[in-house]
Amino acid sequence: KAQAASLRALQTETTANRRTPGGGIEEVPSTSLRSGD
């Protein structure tokens, strides 16, 4: 349980700088990222 609690701390939602198809950068929540982004 203690180890799981420390690992969950890593899952705090952060802002990610995702590349757009046009080559730009957009800020999105990390929870919205999908495989391939």
All heavy atoms as atom14 arrays in JSON, in Angstrom:
{
  "sequence": "KAQAASLRALQTETTANRRTPGGGIEEVPSTSLRSGD",
  "atom14_mask": [
    [1, 1, 1, 1, 1, 1, 1, 1, 1, 0, 0, 0, 0, 0],
    [1, 1, 1, 1, 1, 0, 0, 0, 0, 0, 0, 0, 0, 0],
    [1, 1, 1, 1, 1, 1, 1, 1, 1, 0, 0, 0, 0, 0],
    [1, 1, 1, 1, 1, 0, 0, 0, 0, 0, 0, 0, 0, 0],
    [1, 1, 1, 1, 1, 0, 0, 0, 0, 0, 0, 0, 0, 0],
    [1, 1, 1, 1, 1, 1, 0, 0, 0, 0, 0, 0, 0, 0],
    [1, 1, 1, 1, 1, 1, 1, 1, 0, 0, 0, 0, 0, 0],
    [1, 1, 1, 1, 1, 1, 1, 1, 1, 1, 1, 0, 0, 0],
    [1, 1, 1, 1, 1, 0, 0, 0, 0, 0, 0, 0, 0, 0],
    [1, 1, 1, 1, 1, 1, 1, 1, 0, 0, 0, 0, 0, 0],
    [1, 1, 1, 1, 1, 1, 1, 1, 1, 0, 0, 0, 0, 0],
    [1, 1, 1, 1, 1, 1, 1, 0, 0, 0, 0, 0, 0, 0],
    [1, 1, 1, 1, 1, 1, 1, 1, 1, 0, 0, 0, 0, 0],
    [1, 1, 1, 1, 1, 1, 1, 0, 0, 0, 0, 0, 0, 0],
    [1, 1, 1, 1, 1, 1, 1, 0, 0, 0, 0, 0, 0, 0],
    [1, 1, 1, 1, 1, 0, 0, 0, 0, 0, 0, 0, 0, 0],
    [1, 1, 1, 1, 1, 1, 1, 1, 0, 0, 0, 0, 0, 0],
    [1, 1, 1, 1, 1, 1, 1, 1, 1, 1, 1, 0, 0, 0],
    [1, 1, 1, 1, 1, 1, 1, 1, 1, 1, 1, 0, 0, 0],
    [1, 1, 1, 1, 1, 1, 1, 0, 0, 0, 0, 0, 0, 0],
    [1, 1, 1, 1, 1, 1, 1, 0, 0, 0, 0, 0, 0, 0],
    [1, 1, 1, 1, 0, 0, 0, 0, 0, 0, 0, 0, 0, 0],
    [1, 1, 1, 1, 0, 0, 0, 0, 0, 0, 0, 0, 0, 0],
    [1, 1, 1, 1, 0, 0, 0, 0, 0, 0, 0, 0, 0, 0],
    [1, 1, 1, 1, 1, 1, 1, 1, 0, 0, 0, 0, 0, 0],
    [1, 1, 1, 1, 1, 1, 1, 1, 1, 0, 0, 0, 0, 0],
    [1, 1, 1, 1, 1, 1, 1, 1, 1, 0, 0, 0, 0, 0],
    [1, 1, 1, 1, 1, 1, 1, 0, 0, 0, 0, 0, 0, 0],
    [1, 1, 1, 1, 1, 1, 1, 0, 0, 0, 0, 0, 0, 0],
    [1, 1, 1, 1, 1, 1, 0, 0, 0, 0, 0, 0, 0, 0],
    [1, 1, 1, 1, 1, 1, 1, 0, 0, 0, 0, 0, 0, 0],
    [1, 1, 1, 1, 1, 1, 0, 0, 0, 0, 0, 0, 0, 0],
    [1, 1, 1, 1, 1, 1, 1, 1, 0, 0, 0, 0, 0, 0],
    [1, 1, 1, 1, 1, 1, 1, 1, 1, 1, 1, 0, 0, 0],
    [1, 1, 1, 1, 1, 1, 0, 0, 0, 0, 0, 0, 0, 0],
    [1, 1, 1, 1, 0, 0, 0, 0, 0, 0, 0, 0, 0, 0],
    [1, 1, 1, 1, 1, 1, 1, 1, 0, 0, 0, 0, 0, 0]
  ],
  "atom14_positions": [
    [[0.81, -1.22, 0.0], [0.0, 0.0, 0.0], [0.84, 1.27, 0.0], [0.55, 2.22, -0.73], [-0.92, 0.01, 1.22], [-1.92, -1.15, 1.28], [-2.89, -1.15, 0.13], [-3.91, -2.27, 0.28], [-4.84, -2.34, -0.85], [0.0, 0.0, 0.0], [0.0, 0.0, 0.0], [0.0, 0.0, 0.0], [0.0, 0.0, 0.0], [0.0, 0.0, 0.0]],
    [[1.9, 1.29, 0.81], [2.73, 2.5, 0.89], [3.41, 2.77, -0.44], [3.47, 3.91, -0.91], [3.76, 2.34, 2.0], [0.0, 0.0, 0.0], [0.0, 0.0, 0.0], [0.0, 0.0, 0.0], [0.0, 0.0, 0.0], [0.0, 0.0, 0.0], [0.0, 0.0, 0.0], [0.0, 0.0, 0.0], [0.0, 0.0, 0.0], [0.0, 0.0, 0.0]],
    [[3.92, 1.71, -1.07], [4.56, 1.89, -2.36], [3.56, 2.35, -3.4], [3.85, 3.19, -4.24], [5.22, 0.58, -2.8], [6.05, 0.74, -4.07], [6.9, -0.47, -4.35], [6.91, -1.43, -3.61], [7.64, -0.43, -5.44], [0.0, 0.0, 0.0], [0.0, 0.0, 0.0], [0.0, 0.0, 0.0], [0.0, 0.0, 0.0], [0.0, 0.0, 0.0]],
    [[2.35, 1.79, -3.34], [1.32, 2.2, -4.29], [0.97, 3.67, -4.11], [0.75, 4.39, -5.08], [0.07, 1.33, -4.12], [0.0, 0.0, 0.0], [0.0, 0.0, 0.0], [0.0, 0.0, 0.0], [0.0, 0.0, 0.0], [0.0, 0.0, 0.0], [0.0, 0.0, 0.0], [0.0, 0.0, 0.0], [0.0, 0.0, 0.0], [0.0, 0.0, 0.0]],
    [[0.94, 4.13, -2.86], [0.62, 5.53, -2.58], [1.67, 6.46, -3.18], [1.35, 7.5, -3.76], [0.5, 5.75, -1.08], [0.0, 0.0, 0.0], [0.0, 0.0, 0.0], [0.0, 0.0, 0.0], [0.0, 0.0, 0.0], [0.0, 0.0, 0.0], [0.0, 0.0, 0.0], [0.0, 0.0, 0.0], [0.0, 0.0, 0.0], [0.0, 0.0, 0.0]],
    [[2.95, 6.07, -3.06], [4.02, 6.91, -3.61], [3.97, 6.9, -5.14], [4.26, 7.91, -5.79], [5.39, 6.42, -3.13], [5.65, 5.12, -3.6], [0.0, 0.0, 0.0], [0.0, 0.0, 0.0], [0.0, 0.0, 0.0], [0.0, 0.0, 0.0], [0.0, 0.0, 0.0], [0.0, 0.0, 0.0], [0.0, 0.0, 0.0], [0.0, 0.0, 0.0]],
    [[3.58, 5.77, -5.72], [3.48, 5.69, -7.17], [2.32, 6.54, -7.69], [2.4, 7.14, -8.76], [3.3, 4.24, -7.61], [4.54, 3.33, -7.44], [4.18, 1.89, -7.73], [5.66, 3.79, -8.36], [0.0, 0.0, 0.0], [0.0, 0.0, 0.0], [0.0, 0.0, 0.0], [0.0, 0.0, 0.0], [0.0, 0.0, 0.0], [0.0, 0.0, 0.0]],
    [[1.23, 6.55, -6.91], [0.07, 7.35, -7.34], [0.42, 8.84, -7.41], [-0.19, 9.59, -8.16], [-1.09, 7.13, -6.38], [-1.88, 5.87, -6.68], [-3.29, 5.93, -6.08], [-4.04, 4.77, -6.49], [-4.06, 3.62, -5.84], [-3.36, 3.5, -4.73], [-4.76, 2.6, -6.27], [0.0, 0.0, 0.0], [0.0, 0.0, 0.0], [0.0, 0.0, 0.0]],
    [[1.39, 9.23, -6.58], [1.8, 10.64, -6.59], [2.38, 11.02, -7.94], [2.37, 12.19, -8.33], [2.82, 10.9, -5.48], [0.0, 0.0, 0.0], [0.0, 0.0, 0.0], [0.0, 0.0, 0.0], [0.0, 0.0, 0.0], [0.0, 0.0, 0.0], [0.0, 0.0, 0.0], [0.0, 0.0, 0.0], [0.0, 0.0, 0.0], [0.0, 0.0, 0.0]],
    [[2.9, 10.02, -8.68], [3.46, 10.3, -10.0], [2.37, 10.58, -11.02], [2.64, 11.14, -12.09], [4.29, 9.1, -10.48], [5.53, 8.73, -9.66], [6.15, 7.47, -10.24], [6.53, 9.86, -9.65], [0.0, 0.0, 0.0], [0.0, 0.0, 0.0], [0.0, 0.0, 0.0], [0.0, 0.0, 0.0], [0.0, 0.0, 0.0], [0.0, 0.0, 0.0]],
    [[1.13, 10.18, -10.7], [0.06, 10.29, -11.68], [-0.7, 11.61, -11.58], [-1.77, 11.75, -12.16], [-0.91, 9.12, -11.51], [-0.26, 7.76, -11.8], [-1.25, 6.64, -11.68], [-1.93, 6.5, -10.66], [-1.36, 5.83, -12.7], [0.0, 0.0, 0.0], [0.0, 0.0, 0.0], [0.0, 0.0, 0.0], [0.0, 0.0, 0.0], [0.0, 0.0, 0.0]],
    [[-0.16, 12.54, -10.83], [-0.8, 13.86, -10.74], [-0.93, 14.48, -12.13], [0.02, 14.47, -12.91], [0.05, 14.8, -9.85], [0.24, 14.19, -8.58], [-0.64, 16.13, -9.68], [0.0, 0.0, 0.0], [0.0, 0.0, 0.0], [0.0, 0.0, 0.0], [0.0, 0.0, 0.0], [0.0, 0.0, 0.0], [0.0, 0.0, 0.0], [0.0, 0.0, 0.0]],
    [[-2.09, 14.96, -12.43], [-2.32, 15.53, -13.76], [-1.44, 16.75, -13.97], [-1.35, 17.64, -13.13], [-3.79, 15.91, -13.92], [-4.11, 16.44, -15.32], [-5.6, 16.68, -15.5], [-6.39, 15.79, -15.13], [-5.95, 17.75, -16.01], [0.0, 0.0, 0.0], [0.0, 0.0, 0.0], [0.0, 0.0, 0.0], [0.0, 0.0, 0.0], [0.0, 0.0, 0.0]],
    [[-0.74, 16.76, -15.09], [0.13, 17.87, -15.44], [-0.25, 18.39, -16.82], [-1.05, 17.79, -17.54], [1.61, 17.44, -15.45], [1.75, 16.37, -16.4], [2.05, 16.96, -14.08], [0.0, 0.0, 0.0], [0.0, 0.0, 0.0], [0.0, 0.0, 0.0], [0.0, 0.0, 0.0], [0.0, 0.0, 0.0], [0.0, 0.0, 0.0], [0.0, 0.0, 0.0]],
    [[0.37, 19.49, -17.18], [0.14, 20.04, -18.52], [1.21, 19.51, -19.45], [2.4, 19.53, -19.12], [0.2, 21.58, -18.48], [-0.83, 22.05, -17.61], [-0.02, 22.14, -19.88], [0.0, 0.0, 0.0], [0.0, 0.0, 0.0], [0.0, 0.0, 0.0], [0.0, 0.0, 0.0], [0.0, 0.0, 0.0], [0.0, 0.0, 0.0], [0.0, 0.0, 0.0]],
    [[0.79, 19.04, -20.61], [1.73, 18.5, -21.59], [1.76, 19.39, -22.82], [0.73, 19.92, -23.24], [1.32, 17.09, -21.98], [0.0, 0.0, 0.0], [0.0, 0.0, 0.0], [0.0, 0.0, 0.0], [0.0, 0.0, 0.0], [0.0, 0.0, 0.0], [0.0, 0.0, 0.0], [0.0, 0.0, 0.0], [0.0, 0.0, 0.0], [0.0, 0.0, 0.0]],
    [[2.95, 19.56, -23.38], [3.11, 20.35, -24.61], [3.06, 19.4, -25.8], [4.08, 18.81, -26.19], [4.43, 21.11, -24.59], [4.48, 22.13, -23.47], [3.5, 22.86, -23.24], [5.58, 22.18, -22.75], [0.0, 0.0, 0.0], [0.0, 0.0, 0.0], [0.0, 0.0, 0.0], [0.0, 0.0, 0.0], [0.0, 0.0, 0.0], [0.0, 0.0, 0.0]],
    [[1.86, 19.24, -26.37], [1.67, 18.29, -27.46], [1.85, 18.97, -28.81], [1.38, 20.08, -29.03], [0.28, 17.67, -27.37], [0.01, 16.6, -28.43], [-1.31, 15.9, -28.17], [-2.45, 16.81, -28.23], [-3.7, 16.46, -27.94], [-3.95, 15.2, -27.53], [-4.69, 17.33, -28.02], [0.0, 0.0, 0.0], [0.0, 0.0, 0.0], [0.0, 0.0, 0.0]],
    [[2.52, 18.25, -29.71], [2.7, 18.78, -31.05], [1.41, 18.61, -31.86], [0.76, 17.57, -31.79], [3.83, 18.05, -31.76], [5.21, 18.56, -31.4], [6.27, 17.87, -32.24], [7.6, 18.33, -31.89], [8.72, 17.78, -32.33], [8.64, 16.74, -33.16], [9.89, 18.25, -31.97], [0.0, 0.0, 0.0], [0.0, 0.0, 0.0], [0.0, 0.0, 0.0]],
    [[1.11, 19.61, -32.6], [-0.07, 19.55, -33.48], [0.36, 19.03, -34.85], [1.55, 19.07, -35.19], [-0.71, 20.94, -33.62], [0.25, 21.81, -34.25], [-1.1, 21.5, -32.27], [0.0, 0.0, 0.0], [0.0, 0.0, 0.0], [0.0, 0.0, 0.0], [0.0, 0.0, 0.0], [0.0, 0.0, 0.0], [0.0, 0.0, 0.0], [0.0, 0.0, 0.0]],
    [[-0.57, 18.56, -35.65], [-0.23, 18.08, -37.0], [0.5, 19.13, -37.83], [1.32, 18.79, -38.7], [-1.59, 17.73, -37.61], [-2.45, 17.4, -36.42], [-2.0, 18.33, -35.34], [0.0, 0.0, 0.0], [0.0, 0.0, 0.0], [0.0, 0.0, 0.0], [0.0, 0.0, 0.0], [0.0, 0.0, 0.0], [0.0, 0.0, 0.0], [0.0, 0.0, 0.0]],
    [[0.23, 20.38, -37.55], [0.88, 21.44, -38.31], [2.26, 21.79, -37.82], [2.91, 22.69, -38.37], [0.0, 0.0, 0.0], [0.0, 0.0, 0.0], [0.0, 0.0, 0.0], [0.0, 0.0, 0.0], [0.0, 0.0, 0.0], [0.0, 0.0, 0.0], [0.0, 0.0, 0.0], [0.0, 0.0, 0.0], [0.0, 0.0, 0.0], [0.0, 0.0, 0.0]],
    [[2.73, 21.15, -36.76], [4.06, 21.42, -36.24], [4.09, 22.38, -35.07], [5.15, 22.69, -34.54], [0.0, 0.0, 0.0], [0.0, 0.0, 0.0], [0.0, 0.0, 0.0], [0.0, 0.0, 0.0], [0.0, 0.0, 0.0], [0.0, 0.0, 0.0], [0.0, 0.0, 0.0], [0.0, 0.0, 0.0], [0.0, 0.0, 0.0], [0.0, 0.0, 0.0]],
    [[2.94, 22.89, -34.67], [2.88, 23.8, -33.53], [2.82, 23.05, -32.21], [2.91, 21.82, -32.16], [0.0, 0.0, 0.0], [0.0, 0.0, 0.0], [0.0, 0.0, 0.0], [0.0, 0.0, 0.0], [0.0, 0.0, 0.0], [0.0, 0.0, 0.0], [0.0, 0.0, 0.0], [0.0, 0.0, 0.0], [0.0, 0.0, 0.0], [0.0, 0.0, 0.0]],
    [[2.67, 23.81, -31.13], [2.6, 23.24, -29.78], [1.32, 23.7, -29.11], [0.96, 24.88, -29.17], [3.8, 23.68, -28.91], [5.12, 23.17, -29.51], [3.63, 23.18, -27.48], [5.28, 21.66, -29.46], [0.0, 0.0, 0.0], [0.0, 0.0, 0.0], [0.0, 0.0, 0.0], [0.0, 0.0, 0.0], [0.0, 0.0, 0.0], [0.0, 0.0, 0.0]],
    [[0.59, 22.74, -28.5], [-0.6, 23.09, -27.75], [-0.52, 22.49, -26.35], [0.01, 21.38, -26.16], [-1.85, 22.57, -28.46], [-1.9, 21.06, -28.62], [-3.19, 20.58, -29.25], [-4.12, 21.4, -29.39], [-3.28, 19.37, -29.59], [0.0, 0.0, 0.0], [0.0, 0.0, 0.0], [0.0, 0.0, 0.0], [0.0, 0.0, 0.0], [0.0, 0.0, 0.0]],
    [[-1.0, 23.22, -25.35], [-1.01, 22.73, -23.98], [-2.29, 21.94, -23.73], [-3.39, 22.45, -23.95], [-0.91, 23.9, -22.99], [0.44, 24.6, -23.0], [0.58, 25.59, -21.86], [-0.41, 25.76, -21.1], [1.65, 26.2, -21.73], [0.0, 0.0, 0.0], [0.0, 0.0, 0.0], [0.0, 0.0, 0.0], [0.0, 0.0, 0.0], [0.0, 0.0, 0.0]],
    [[-2.11, 20.7, -23.28], [-3.26, 19.83, -23.0], [-3.01, 19.11, -21.67], [-1.87, 18.95, -21.25], [-3.46, 18.77, -24.12], [-3.77, 19.44, -25.44], [-2.24, 17.87, -24.24], [0.0, 0.0, 0.0], [0.0, 0.0, 0.0], [0.0, 0.0, 0.0], [0.0, 0.0, 0.0], [0.0, 0.0, 0.0], [0.0, 0.0, 0.0], [0.0, 0.0, 0.0]],
    [[-4.08, 18.67, -20.99], [-3.89, 17.89, -19.76], [-3.23, 16.54, -20.11], [-3.51, 15.95, -21.16], [-5.32, 17.68, -19.24], [-6.15, 18.69, -19.96], [-5.5, 18.93, -21.27], [0.0, 0.0, 0.0], [0.0, 0.0, 0.0], [0.0, 0.0, 0.0], [0.0, 0.0, 0.0], [0.0, 0.0, 0.0], [0.0, 0.0, 0.0], [0.0, 0.0, 0.0]],
    [[-2.38, 16.07, -19.24], [-1.68, 14.81, -19.5], [-2.66, 13.64, -19.63], [-2.37, 12.67, -20.33], [-0.68, 14.52, -18.37], [-1.35, 14.47, -17.11], [0.0, 0.0, 0.0], [0.0, 0.0, 0.0], [0.0, 0.0, 0.0], [0.0, 0.0, 0.0], [0.0, 0.0, 0.0], [0.0, 0.0, 0.0], [0.0, 0.0, 0.0], [0.0, 0.0, 0.0]],
    [[-3.82, 13.75, -18.98], [-4.8, 12.65, -19.04], [-5.46, 12.52, -20.4], [-6.13, 11.53, -20.69], [-5.9, 12.86, -17.97], [-6.43, 14.19, -18.12], [-5.32, 12.68, -16.58], [0.0, 0.0, 0.0], [0.0, 0.0, 0.0], [0.0, 0.0, 0.0], [0.0, 0.0, 0.0], [0.0, 0.0, 0.0], [0.0, 0.0, 0.0], [0.0, 0.0, 0.0]],
    [[-5.3, 13.54, -21.26], [-5.93, 13.5, -22.58], [-5.0, 12.91, -23.64], [-5.41, 12.75, -24.8], [-6.36, 14.91, -23.01], [-5.22, 15.72, -23.25], [0.0, 0.0, 0.0], [0.0, 0.0, 0.0], [0.0, 0.0, 0.0], [0.0, 0.0, 0.0], [0.0, 0.0, 0.0], [0.0, 0.0, 0.0], [0.0, 0.0, 0.0], [0.0, 0.0, 0.0]],
    [[-3.77, 12.59, -23.26], [-2.81, 12.05, -24.22], [-3.19, 10.63, -24.62], [-3.65, 9.84, -23.79], [-1.4, 12.07, -23.64], [-0.8, 13.46, -23.35], [0.53, 13.32, -22.65], [-0.65, 14.25, -24.65], [0.0, 0.0, 0.0], [0.0, 0.0, 0.0], [0.0, 0.0, 0.0], [0.0, 0.0, 0.0], [0.0, 0.0, 0.0], [0.0, 0.0, 0.0]],
    [[-2.95, 10.31, -25.89], [-3.22, 8.98, -26.41], [-1.95, 8.43, -27.05], [-1.03, 9.18, -27.39], [-4.35, 9.01, -27.46], [-5.7, 9.42, -26.9], [-6.25, 8.38, -25.94], [-7.58, 8.72, -25.43], [-7.8, 9.4, -24.33], [-6.77, 9.86, -23.63], [-9.03, 9.64, -23.92], [0.0, 0.0, 0.0], [0.0, 0.0, 0.0], [0.0, 0.0, 0.0]],
    [[-1.92, 7.11, -27.21], [-0.77, 6.47, -27.84], [-0.55, 7.06, -29.23], [-1.49, 7.18, -30.01], [-1.0, 4.96, -27.93], [0.08, 4.34, -28.56], [0.0, 0.0, 0.0], [0.0, 0.0, 0.0], [0.0, 0.0, 0.0], [0.0, 0.0, 0.0], [0.0, 0.0, 0.0], [0.0, 0.0, 0.0], [0.0, 0.0, 0.0], [0.0, 0.0, 0.0]],
    [[0.69, 7.43, -29.51], [1.03, 8.04, -30.79], [1.23, 9.53, -30.73], [1.86, 10.11, -31.62], [0.0, 0.0, 0.0], [0.0, 0.0, 0.0], [0.0, 0.0, 0.0], [0.0, 0.0, 0.0], [0.0, 0.0, 0.0], [0.0, 0.0, 0.0], [0.0, 0.0, 0.0], [0.0, 0.0, 0.0], [0.0, 0.0, 0.0], [0.0, 0.0, 0.0]],
    [[0.69, 10.2, -29.69], [0.89, 11.64, -29.53], [2.37, 11.93, -29.27], [3.08, 11.13, -28.64], [0.07, 12.17, -28.36], [-1.42, 12.23, -28.67], [-1.76, 12.12, -29.85], [-2.22, 12.36, -27.73], [0.0, 0.0, 0.0], [0.0, 0.0, 0.0], [0.0, 0.0, 0.0], [0.0, 0.0, 0.0], [0.0, 0.0, 0.0], [0.0, 0.0, 0.0]]
  ]
}
